[in-house]
Amino acid sequence: MRRWIFLFLLFPICTQVAVLRATQFDPLSIEQLSEQATVVVKGTVLTKSCQRDPRGRIYTKVELQVAEVWKGSPTTNRFTIVHGGGILGSEKATVSGQVDYDIGEEVVAFFVLNQRGEGVTLGLAQGKFSVWKDAKTGEKLARNLFHGEQASSEENISKNRLATQPRLTLAELKRRVQGGVQ
Protein backbone atom coordinates (compact mmCIF):
# COMPACT_ATOMS: atom_id res chain seq x y z
CA MET A 1 0.00 0.00 0.00
CA ARG A 2 2.80 2.43 0.90
CA ARG A 3 4.42 1.72 -2.46
CA TRP A 4 1.27 2.73 -4.34
CA ILE A 5 0.93 5.93 -2.34
CA PHE A 6 4.58 6.76 -3.07
CA LEU A 7 4.09 6.13 -6.80
CA PHE A 8 0.85 8.12 -6.76
CA LEU A 9 2.69 11.10 -5.24
CA LEU A 10 5.77 10.71 -7.44
CA PHE A 11 3.90 10.60 -10.78
CA PRO A 12 2.79 14.29 -10.85
CA ILE A 13 6.31 15.42 -9.97
CA CYS A 14 7.85 13.35 -12.77
CA THR A 15 5.38 14.59 -15.36
CA GLN A 16 5.93 18.24 -14.38
CA VAL A 17 9.72 17.86 -14.64
CA ALA A 18 9.32 16.44 -18.15
CA VAL A 19 7.08 19.32 -19.19
CA LEU A 20 9.45 21.94 -17.81
CA ARG A 21 12.50 20.32 -19.40
CA ALA A 22 10.88 20.44 -22.82
CA THR A 23 10.89 24.24 -22.91
CA GLN A 24 14.26 25.02 -21.32
CA PHE A 25 17.02 26.72 -23.27
CA ASP A 26 20.75 26.49 -22.82
CA PRO A 27 21.58 30.18 -23.32
CA LEU A 28 23.97 30.91 -26.17
CA SER A 29 26.25 33.92 -25.88
CA ILE A 30 26.25 36.51 -28.65
CA GLU A 31 29.67 35.22 -29.65
CA GLN A 32 28.40 31.61 -29.84
CA LEU A 33 25.41 32.70 -31.93
CA SER A 34 27.74 34.61 -34.25
CA GLU A 35 30.21 31.75 -34.57
CA GLN A 36 27.52 29.17 -35.35
CA ALA A 37 25.51 31.36 -37.75
CA THR A 38 26.02 31.27 -41.50
CA VAL A 39 24.28 34.62 -41.97
CA VAL A 40 23.62 37.53 -39.58
CA VAL A 41 21.51 40.43 -40.82
CA LYS A 42 19.75 43.54 -39.57
CA GLY A 43 16.46 44.22 -41.28
CA THR A 44 12.71 44.76 -41.19
CA VAL A 45 10.02 42.10 -41.51
CA LEU A 46 8.06 42.70 -44.73
CA THR A 47 5.69 39.73 -45.02
CA LYS A 48 4.68 36.60 -43.15
CA SER A 49 2.61 33.69 -44.45
CA CYS A 50 1.75 30.17 -43.32
CA GLN A 51 2.04 27.28 -45.74
CA ARG A 52 2.00 23.50 -45.81
CA ASP A 53 5.00 21.45 -46.92
CA PRO A 54 4.72 18.30 -49.08
CA ARG A 55 4.54 16.13 -45.93
CA GLY A 56 1.54 18.12 -44.64
CA ARG A 57 3.36 20.07 -41.91
CA ILE A 58 2.47 23.71 -41.29
CA TYR A 59 5.31 26.20 -41.42
CA THR A 60 5.71 29.97 -41.54
CA LYS A 61 7.59 31.83 -44.27
CA VAL A 62 8.89 35.34 -43.50
CA GLU A 63 10.40 37.88 -45.90
CA LEU A 64 12.97 40.24 -44.42
CA GLN A 65 14.12 43.51 -46.01
CA VAL A 66 17.87 43.47 -45.31
CA ALA A 67 19.37 46.80 -44.22
CA GLU A 68 22.81 45.51 -43.16
CA VAL A 69 24.70 42.23 -43.52
CA TRP A 70 26.88 41.55 -40.47
CA LYS A 71 28.00 38.08 -41.53
CA GLY A 72 27.60 35.96 -44.65
CA SER A 73 26.65 36.86 -48.19
CA PRO A 74 22.92 37.00 -48.95
CA THR A 75 22.46 37.42 -52.70
CA THR A 76 19.72 40.09 -52.53
CA ASN A 77 18.36 42.67 -50.11
CA ARG A 78 15.41 40.35 -49.37
CA PHE A 79 15.99 37.29 -47.26
CA THR A 80 13.56 34.40 -46.79
CA ILE A 81 13.17 32.84 -43.34
CA VAL A 82 11.23 29.67 -42.51
CA HIS A 83 10.25 28.12 -39.22
CA GLY A 84 7.93 25.39 -37.98
CA GLY A 85 4.41 26.15 -36.87
CA GLY A 86 1.78 28.74 -37.64
CA ILE A 87 -1.95 29.07 -38.28
CA LEU A 88 -3.29 27.85 -41.61
CA GLY A 89 -7.05 28.17 -41.92
CA SER A 90 -8.52 26.58 -38.80
CA GLU A 91 -5.39 24.54 -38.06
CA LYS A 92 -2.70 25.67 -35.64
CA ALA A 93 0.72 24.10 -35.22
CA THR A 94 3.10 25.24 -32.49
CA VAL A 95 6.74 24.56 -31.76
CA SER A 96 7.84 25.20 -28.19
CA GLY A 97 10.43 27.98 -28.01
CA GLN A 98 10.03 28.89 -31.69
CA VAL A 99 10.82 32.40 -32.81
CA ASP A 100 8.06 34.78 -33.89
CA TYR A 101 8.51 37.63 -36.36
CA ASP A 102 5.99 40.48 -36.62
CA ILE A 103 5.39 42.48 -39.80
CA GLY A 104 7.14 45.86 -39.55
CA GLU A 105 9.43 44.70 -36.74
CA GLU A 106 13.12 45.67 -36.92
CA VAL A 107 15.41 42.77 -36.03
CA VAL A 108 18.92 41.44 -35.97
CA ALA A 109 18.80 37.72 -36.66
CA PHE A 110 21.27 34.83 -36.75
CA PHE A 111 20.63 32.12 -39.36
CA VAL A 112 21.79 28.80 -40.65
CA LEU A 113 20.68 27.93 -44.17
CA ASN A 114 18.47 25.00 -45.12
CA GLN A 115 18.89 23.01 -48.36
CA ARG A 116 16.87 25.61 -50.30
CA GLY A 117 19.05 28.50 -49.06
CA GLU A 118 16.34 29.83 -46.73
CA GLY A 119 17.25 31.14 -43.30
CA VAL A 120 16.42 29.10 -40.23
CA THR A 121 16.79 31.12 -37.03
CA LEU A 122 19.64 29.73 -34.93
CA GLY A 123 18.72 28.57 -31.42
CA LEU A 124 14.99 29.04 -32.00
CA ALA A 125 13.98 32.34 -30.31
CA GLN A 126 17.55 32.95 -29.11
CA GLY A 127 18.68 33.83 -32.64
CA LYS A 128 16.40 36.86 -33.02
CA PHE A 129 17.01 40.25 -31.40
CA SER A 130 14.25 42.84 -31.49
CA VAL A 131 15.53 46.35 -32.17
CA TRP A 132 13.95 49.58 -30.93
CA LYS A 133 14.85 53.20 -30.28
CA ASP A 134 15.12 54.39 -26.67
CA ALA A 135 12.56 57.19 -26.29
CA LYS A 136 14.78 59.15 -23.89
CA THR A 137 18.18 58.91 -25.61
CA GLY A 138 17.25 58.10 -29.22
CA GLU A 139 19.80 55.28 -29.11
CA LYS A 140 18.97 51.97 -30.83
CA LEU A 141 18.83 49.01 -28.44
CA ALA A 142 18.49 45.25 -28.97
CA ARG A 143 17.06 42.38 -26.92
CA ASN A 144 16.32 38.67 -27.08
CA LEU A 145 15.42 36.11 -24.41
CA PHE A 146 18.80 36.29 -22.69
CA HIS A 147 20.52 39.49 -23.79
CA GLY A 148 19.59 43.14 -23.35
CA GLU A 149 17.01 44.87 -21.22
CA GLN A 150 13.36 45.02 -22.15
CA ALA A 151 11.86 47.91 -24.06
CA SER A 152 10.31 50.55 -21.83
CA SER A 153 6.74 49.53 -22.74
CA GLU A 154 7.56 45.96 -21.69
CA GLU A 155 9.22 47.21 -18.48
CA ASN A 156 5.95 48.79 -17.40
CA ILE A 157 4.24 45.42 -17.76
CA SER A 158 6.87 43.40 -15.91
CA LYS A 159 8.22 45.58 -13.09
CA ASN A 160 8.40 42.54 -10.81
CA ARG A 161 11.11 40.75 -12.80
CA LEU A 162 13.80 39.25 -10.56
CA ALA A 163 16.79 40.15 -12.72
CA THR A 164 17.40 42.75 -15.37
CA GLN A 165 19.78 42.13 -18.23
CA PRO A 166 22.26 44.89 -18.94
CA ARG A 167 21.43 47.35 -21.67
CA LEU A 168 22.57 46.21 -25.13
CA THR A 169 23.02 48.87 -27.78
CA LEU A 170 22.74 47.96 -31.43
CA ALA A 171 26.32 49.18 -31.92
CA GLU A 172 27.59 46.86 -29.14
CA LEU A 173 25.68 43.91 -30.59
CA LYS A 174 27.22 44.56 -34.02
CA ARG A 175 30.70 44.87 -32.52
CA ARG A 176 30.33 41.55 -30.69
CA VAL A 177 28.93 39.79 -33.77
CA GLN A 178 31.80 41.00 -35.91
CA GLY A 179 34.45 39.76 -33.51
CA GLY A 180 35.02 42.40 -30.86
CA VAL A 181 36.14 41.31 -27.42
CA GLN A 182 33.49 40.97 -24.77
C-alpha atoms as a PDB file:
ATOM      1  CA  MET A   1       0.000   0.000   0.000  1.00  0.00           C
ATOM      2  CA  ARG A   2       2.801   2.431   0.897  1.00  0.00           C
ATOM      3  CA  ARG A   3       4.423   1.725  -2.456  1.00  0.00           C
ATOM      4  CA  TRP A   4       1.267   2.735  -4.337  1.00  0.00           C
ATOM      5  CA  ILE A   5       0.934   5.934  -2.336  1.00  0.00           C
ATOM      6  CA  PHE A   6       4.582   6.757  -3.072  1.00  0.00           C
ATOM      7  CA  LEU A   7       4.087   6.130  -6.803  1.00  0.00           C
ATOM      8  CA  PHE A   8       0.853   8.124  -6.764  1.00  0.00           C
ATOM      9  CA  LEU A   9       2.695  11.105  -5.242  1.00  0.00           C
ATOM     10  CA  LEU A  10       5.774  10.706  -7.445  1.00  0.00           C
ATOM     11  CA  PHE A  11       3.897  10.597 -10.776  1.00  0.00           C
ATOM     12  CA  PRO A  12       2.794  14.285 -10.849  1.00  0.00           C
ATOM     13  CA  ILE A  13       6.308  15.418  -9.969  1.00  0.00           C
ATOM     14  CA  CYS A  14       7.847  13.351 -12.769  1.00  0.00           C
ATOM     15  CA  THR A  15       5.379  14.594 -15.362  1.00  0.00           C
ATOM     16  CA  GLN A  16       5.931  18.237 -14.378  1.00  0.00           C
ATOM     17  CA  VAL A  17       9.719  17.855 -14.639  1.00  0.00           C
ATOM     18  CA  ALA A  18       9.317  16.435 -18.155  1.00  0.00           C
ATOM     19  CA  VAL A  19       7.077  19.323 -19.195  1.00  0.00           C
ATOM     20  CA  LEU A  20       9.453  21.943 -17.812  1.00  0.00           C
ATOM     21  CA  ARG A  21      12.502  20.324 -19.396  1.00  0.00           C
ATOM     22  CA  ALA A  22      10.879  20.437 -22.822  1.00  0.00           C
ATOM     23  CA  THR A  23      10.891  24.243 -22.915  1.00  0.00           C
ATOM     24  CA  GLN A  24      14.256  25.016 -21.323  1.00  0.00           C
ATOM     25  CA  PHE A  25      17.023  26.725 -23.269  1.00  0.00           C
ATOM     26  CA  ASP A  26      20.755  26.493 -22.817  1.00  0.00           C
ATOM     27  CA  PRO A  27      21.577  30.178 -23.323  1.00  0.00           C
ATOM     28  CA  LEU A  28      23.967  30.908 -26.170  1.00  0.00           C
ATOM     29  CA  SER A  29      26.253  33.916 -25.876  1.00  0.00           C
ATOM     30  CA  ILE A  30      26.246  36.510 -28.645  1.00  0.00           C
ATOM     31  CA  GLU A  31      29.674  35.225 -29.654  1.00  0.00           C
ATOM     32  CA  GLN A  32      28.399  31.611 -29.842  1.00  0.00           C
ATOM     33  CA  LEU A  33      25.413  32.700 -31.932  1.00  0.00           C
ATOM     34  CA  SER A  34      27.736  34.609 -34.255  1.00  0.00           C
ATOM     35  CA  GLU A  35      30.210  31.750 -34.570  1.00  0.00           C
ATOM     36  CA  GLN A  36      27.515  29.167 -35.355  1.00  0.00           C
ATOM     37  CA  ALA A  37      25.514  31.358 -37.746  1.00  0.00           C
ATOM     38  CA  THR A  38      26.021  31.266 -41.503  1.00  0.00           C
ATOM     39  CA  VAL A  39      24.279  34.619 -41.971  1.00  0.00           C
ATOM     40  CA  VAL A  40      23.616  37.526 -39.577  1.00  0.00           C
ATOM     41  CA  VAL A  41      21.512  40.435 -40.821  1.00  0.00           C
ATOM     42  CA  LYS A  42      19.746  43.539 -39.570  1.00  0.00           C
ATOM     43  CA  GLY A  43      16.460  44.218 -41.283  1.00  0.00           C
ATOM     44  CA  THR A  44      12.714  44.765 -41.185  1.00  0.00           C
ATOM     45  CA  VAL A  45      10.020  42.105 -41.512  1.00  0.00           C
ATOM     46  CA  LEU A  46       8.055  42.696 -44.728  1.00  0.00           C
ATOM     47  CA  THR A  47       5.687  39.728 -45.019  1.00  0.00           C
ATOM     48  CA  LYS A  48       4.684  36.603 -43.155  1.00  0.00           C
ATOM     49  CA  SER A  49       2.605  33.689 -44.445  1.00  0.00           C
ATOM     50  CA  CYS A  50       1.752  30.171 -43.320  1.00  0.00           C
ATOM     51  CA  GLN A  51       2.042  27.278 -45.736  1.00  0.00           C
ATOM     52  CA  ARG A  52       2.004  23.496 -45.811  1.00  0.00           C
ATOM     53  CA  ASP A  53       5.002  21.451 -46.916  1.00  0.00           C
ATOM     54  CA  PRO A  54       4.724  18.297 -49.083  1.00  0.00           C
ATOM     55  CA  ARG A  55       4.538  16.133 -45.926  1.00  0.00           C
ATOM     56  CA  GLY A  56       1.536  18.122 -44.639  1.00  0.00           C
ATOM     57  CA  ARG A  57       3.359  20.070 -41.911  1.00  0.00           C
ATOM     58  CA  ILE A  58       2.471  23.709 -41.292  1.00  0.00           C
ATOM     59  CA  TYR A  59       5.306  26.201 -41.423  1.00  0.00           C
ATOM     60  CA  THR A  60       5.714  29.974 -41.540  1.00  0.00           C
ATOM     61  CA  LYS A  61       7.588  31.834 -44.267  1.00  0.00           C
ATOM     62  CA  VAL A  62       8.890  35.335 -43.498  1.00  0.00           C
ATOM     63  CA  GLU A  63      10.402  37.885 -45.902  1.00  0.00           C
ATOM     64  CA  LEU A  64      12.968  40.241 -44.418  1.00  0.00           C
ATOM     65  CA  GLN A  65      14.124  43.510 -46.010  1.00  0.00           C
ATOM     66  CA  VAL A  66      17.873  43.466 -45.305  1.00  0.00           C
ATOM     67  CA  ALA A  67      19.369  46.803 -44.215  1.00  0.00           C
ATOM     68  CA  GLU A  68      22.811  45.509 -43.160  1.00  0.00           C
ATOM     69  CA  VAL A  69      24.698  42.234 -43.522  1.00  0.00           C
ATOM     70  CA  TRP A  70      26.881  41.553 -40.472  1.00  0.00           C
ATOM     71  CA  LYS A  71      28.000  38.076 -41.529  1.00  0.00           C
ATOM     72  CA  GLY A  72      27.602  35.959 -44.645  1.00  0.00           C
ATOM     73  CA  SER A  73      26.648  36.862 -48.192  1.00  0.00           C
ATOM     74  CA  PRO A  74      22.921  37.001 -48.949  1.00  0.00           C
ATOM     75  CA  THR A  75      22.465  37.418 -52.702  1.00  0.00           C
ATOM     76  CA  THR A  76      19.719  40.092 -52.533  1.00  0.00           C
ATOM     77  CA  ASN A  77      18.358  42.671 -50.114  1.00  0.00           C
ATOM     78  CA  ARG A  78      15.415  40.351 -49.374  1.00  0.00           C
ATOM     79  CA  PHE A  79      15.987  37.292 -47.259  1.00  0.00           C
ATOM     80  CA  THR A  80      13.562  34.400 -46.788  1.00  0.00           C
ATOM     81  CA  ILE A  81      13.173  32.842 -43.340  1.00  0.00           C
ATOM     82  CA  VAL A  82      11.233  29.670 -42.515  1.00  0.00           C
ATOM     83  CA  HIS A  83      10.246  28.116 -39.216  1.00  0.00           C
ATOM     84  CA  GLY A  84       7.934  25.387 -37.976  1.00  0.00           C
ATOM     85  CA  GLY A  85       4.410  26.149 -36.866  1.00  0.00           C
ATOM     86  CA  GLY A  86       1.782  28.743 -37.637  1.00  0.00           C
ATOM     87  CA  ILE A  87      -1.946  29.066 -38.283  1.00  0.00           C
ATOM     88  CA  LEU A  88      -3.293  27.854 -41.610  1.00  0.00           C
ATOM     89  CA  GLY A  89      -7.051  28.172 -41.919  1.00  0.00           C
ATOM     90  CA  SER A  90      -8.518  26.583 -38.799  1.00  0.00           C
ATOM     91  CA  GLU A  91      -5.392  24.535 -38.059  1.00  0.00           C
ATOM     92  CA  LYS A  92      -2.702  25.674 -35.644  1.00  0.00           C
ATOM     93  CA  ALA A  93       0.719  24.102 -35.217  1.00  0.00           C
ATOM     94  CA  THR A  94       3.101  25.245 -32.487  1.00  0.00           C
ATOM     95  CA  VAL A  95       6.745  24.559 -31.759  1.00  0.00           C
ATOM     96  CA  SER A  96       7.842  25.198 -28.186  1.00  0.00           C
ATOM     97  CA  GLY A  97      10.427  27.985 -28.013  1.00  0.00           C
ATOM     98  CA  GLN A  98      10.029  28.885 -31.686  1.00  0.00           C
ATOM     99  CA  VAL A  99      10.820  32.401 -32.812  1.00  0.00           C
ATOM    100  CA  ASP A 100       8.062  34.783 -33.889  1.00  0.00           C
ATOM    101  CA  TYR A 101       8.505  37.628 -36.365  1.00  0.00           C
ATOM    102  CA  ASP A 102       5.989  40.480 -36.624  1.00  0.00           C
ATOM    103  CA  ILE A 103       5.388  42.485 -39.796  1.00  0.00           C
ATOM    104  CA  GLY A 104       7.142  45.857 -39.550  1.00  0.00           C
ATOM    105  CA  GLU A 105       9.435  44.696 -36.742  1.00  0.00           C
ATOM    106  CA  GLU A 106      13.115  45.674 -36.921  1.00  0.00           C
ATOM    107  CA  VAL A 107      15.406  42.768 -36.029  1.00  0.00           C
ATOM    108  CA  VAL A 108      18.924  41.442 -35.975  1.00  0.00           C
ATOM    109  CA  ALA A 109      18.803  37.717 -36.661  1.00  0.00           C
ATOM    110  CA  PHE A 110      21.272  34.825 -36.748  1.00  0.00           C
ATOM    111  CA  PHE A 111      20.627  32.125 -39.363  1.00  0.00           C
ATOM    112  CA  VAL A 112      21.790  28.799 -40.655  1.00  0.00           C
ATOM    113  CA  LEU A 113      20.682  27.926 -44.175  1.00  0.00           C
ATOM    114  CA  ASN A 114      18.471  25.001 -45.122  1.00  0.00           C
ATOM    115  CA  GLN A 115      18.888  23.007 -48.363  1.00  0.00           C
ATOM    116  CA  ARG A 116      16.870  25.612 -50.299  1.00  0.00           C
ATOM    117  CA  GLY A 117      19.053  28.503 -49.057  1.00  0.00           C
ATOM    118  CA  GLU A 118      16.340  29.834 -46.733  1.00  0.00           C
ATOM    119  CA  GLY A 119      17.246  31.137 -43.301  1.00  0.00           C
ATOM    120  CA  VAL A 120      16.417  29.100 -40.226  1.00  0.00           C
ATOM    121  CA  THR A 121      16.790  31.117 -37.027  1.00  0.00           C
ATOM    122  CA  LEU A 122      19.639  29.730 -34.929  1.00  0.00           C
ATOM    123  CA  GLY A 123      18.719  28.570 -31.422  1.00  0.00           C
ATOM    124  CA  LEU A 124      14.988  29.039 -31.998  1.00  0.00           C
ATOM    125  CA  ALA A 125      13.977  32.336 -30.315  1.00  0.00           C
ATOM    126  CA  GLN A 126      17.549  32.950 -29.115  1.00  0.00           C
ATOM    127  CA  GLY A 127      18.675  33.832 -32.635  1.00  0.00           C
ATOM    128  CA  LYS A 128      16.405  36.858 -33.024  1.00  0.00           C
ATOM    129  CA  PHE A 129      17.013  40.246 -31.403  1.00  0.00           C
ATOM    130  CA  SER A 130      14.250  42.837 -31.488  1.00  0.00           C
ATOM    131  CA  VAL A 131      15.527  46.352 -32.167  1.00  0.00           C
ATOM    132  CA  TRP A 132      13.948  49.579 -30.931  1.00  0.00           C
ATOM    133  CA  LYS A 133      14.852  53.195 -30.283  1.00  0.00           C
ATOM    134  CA  ASP A 134      15.117  54.391 -26.672  1.00  0.00           C
ATOM    135  CA  ALA A 135      12.564  57.193 -26.287  1.00  0.00           C
ATOM    136  CA  LYS A 136      14.784  59.152 -23.891  1.00  0.00           C
ATOM    137  CA  THR A 137      18.178  58.911 -25.615  1.00  0.00           C
ATOM    138  CA  GLY A 138      17.249  58.098 -29.220  1.00  0.00           C
ATOM    139  CA  GLU A 139      19.798  55.278 -29.110  1.00  0.00           C
ATOM    140  CA  LYS A 140      18.970  51.972 -30.830  1.00  0.00           C
ATOM    141  CA  LEU A 141      18.831  49.007 -28.442  1.00  0.00           C
ATOM    142  CA  ALA A 142      18.487  45.247 -28.966  1.00  0.00           C
ATOM    143  CA  ARG A 143      17.062  42.382 -26.919  1.00  0.00           C
ATOM    144  CA  ASN A 144      16.318  38.675 -27.085  1.00  0.00           C
ATOM    145  CA  LEU A 145      15.423  36.114 -24.414  1.00  0.00           C
ATOM    146  CA  PHE A 146      18.802  36.289 -22.689  1.00  0.00           C
ATOM    147  CA  HIS A 147      20.520  39.487 -23.789  1.00  0.00           C
ATOM    148  CA  GLY A 148      19.587  43.141 -23.352  1.00  0.00           C
ATOM    149  CA  GLU A 149      17.010  44.872 -21.224  1.00  0.00           C
ATOM    150  CA  GLN A 150      13.357  45.016 -22.148  1.00  0.00           C
ATOM    151  CA  ALA A 151      11.861  47.915 -24.063  1.00  0.00           C
ATOM    152  CA  SER A 152      10.305  50.547 -21.825  1.00  0.00           C
ATOM    153  CA  SER A 153       6.741  49.528 -22.740  1.00  0.00           C
ATOM    154  CA  GLU A 154       7.561  45.956 -21.688  1.00  0.00           C
ATOM    155  CA  GLU A 155       9.219  47.210 -18.476  1.00  0.00           C
ATOM    156  CA  ASN A 156       5.951  48.786 -17.396  1.00  0.00           C
ATOM    157  CA  ILE A 157       4.235  45.419 -17.760  1.00  0.00           C
ATOM    158  CA  SER A 158       6.874  43.400 -15.906  1.00  0.00           C
ATOM    159  CA  LYS A 159       8.224  45.580 -13.085  1.00  0.00           C
ATOM    160  CA  ASN A 160       8.400  42.539 -10.814  1.00  0.00           C
ATOM    161  CA  ARG A 161      11.113  40.749 -12.798  1.00  0.00           C
ATOM    162  CA  LEU A 162      13.798  39.251 -10.564  1.00  0.00           C
ATOM    163  CA  ALA A 163      16.792  40.145 -12.718  1.00  0.00           C
ATOM    164  CA  THR A 164      17.399  42.754 -15.372  1.00  0.00           C
ATOM    165  CA  GLN A 165      19.776  42.128 -18.233  1.00  0.00           C
ATOM    166  CA  PRO A 166      22.265  44.888 -18.939  1.00  0.00           C
ATOM    167  CA  ARG A 167      21.431  47.351 -21.669  1.00  0.00           C
ATOM    168  CA  LEU A 168      22.575  46.209 -25.132  1.00  0.00           C
ATOM    169  CA  THR A 169      23.018  48.872 -27.779  1.00  0.00           C
ATOM    170  CA  LEU A 170      22.735  47.959 -31.425  1.00  0.00           C
ATOM    171  CA  ALA A 171      26.319  49.176 -31.922  1.00  0.00           C
ATOM    172  CA  GLU A 172      27.587  46.863 -29.135  1.00  0.00           C
ATOM    173  CA  LEU A 173      25.678  43.907 -30.587  1.00  0.00           C
ATOM    174  CA  LYS A 174      27.217  44.564 -34.015  1.00  0.00           C
ATOM    175  CA  ARG A 175      30.699  44.872 -32.515  1.00  0.00           C
ATOM    176  CA  ARG A 176      30.326  41.554 -30.689  1.00  0.00           C
ATOM    177  CA  VAL A 177      28.926  39.794 -33.767  1.00  0.00           C
ATOM    178  CA  GLN A 178      31.799  40.998 -35.909  1.00  0.00           C
ATOM    179  CA  GLY A 179      34.454  39.765 -33.507  1.00  0.00           C
ATOM    180  CA  GLY A 180      35.025  42.403 -30.861  1.00  0.00           C
ATOM    181  CA  VAL A 181      36.140  41.311 -27.418  1.00  0.00           C
ATOM    182  CA  GLN A 182      33.494  40.965 -24.768  1.00  0.00           C
END
